[in-house]
Amino acid sequence: MSGTQDAPAEARRPTVFLSYARADQAQATRLAETLKAAGLDVWWDALIEGGAAFAKSIEAALESCNAVVVMWSRTSVASDWVLDEAARGRDLRKLVPVSLDGTLPPIGFRQYQSVDLSGWKGEATAPGIAAILRGIAAAGQAVVDDAGVVGQITRVFPMQSELTLLTDKDQAIPVMVVR
């Protein structure tokens, strides 16, 4: 045994998958920078290396992220890529929808509260940014009481969250403990 102990593992920062239409890239860049400044790792298509299999890289990032922030706009509601990414985020219970210009999300996503960023100029202290950060923190999180895991946060609203209870003792949800 050596005389040194291993350094404690550094806590993994939450990873956010950022979904947007190419026409909204300037706003996506501002949001990515703001989320990074808040201590989050941000994955978006700008990180895909040349020669990488685009769809496989996106799929792996969606599966491994903590939250999927979807930037809805007039352009993104018509994007097959954004629709696919949003659907996967919804199915994984990681969806954090954002409205860039007041556009309603497409059918299948309107039951989720969107954070309004229509007047956002890039300020890190904007109320919409705080709402996004709360949504990211809550997305897919396990709810635990003294008996153990009782459910999972499935939807986040400005003043409350929706919890899906686990009533079948044979069911399970993924839980990551970060210390």
Foldseek 3Di string as FASTA:
>chain_A
DDPDDDDDDAFDAAEEEEAEDPVCVVVSVLLCVLVVVVPYHYDYPVPDDPPDDSVVVLVVSLVPGLAYEQEDEPPLLPDPVSVVSQVSRLVLLRYAYAYQQPDQHDPPPNVADHQYCPPPPSDSPDPSNVQSVVSSVQRFAFDADPVGTFWHFRGDDPVDTDTDGDPDPPDDGDHDDTD
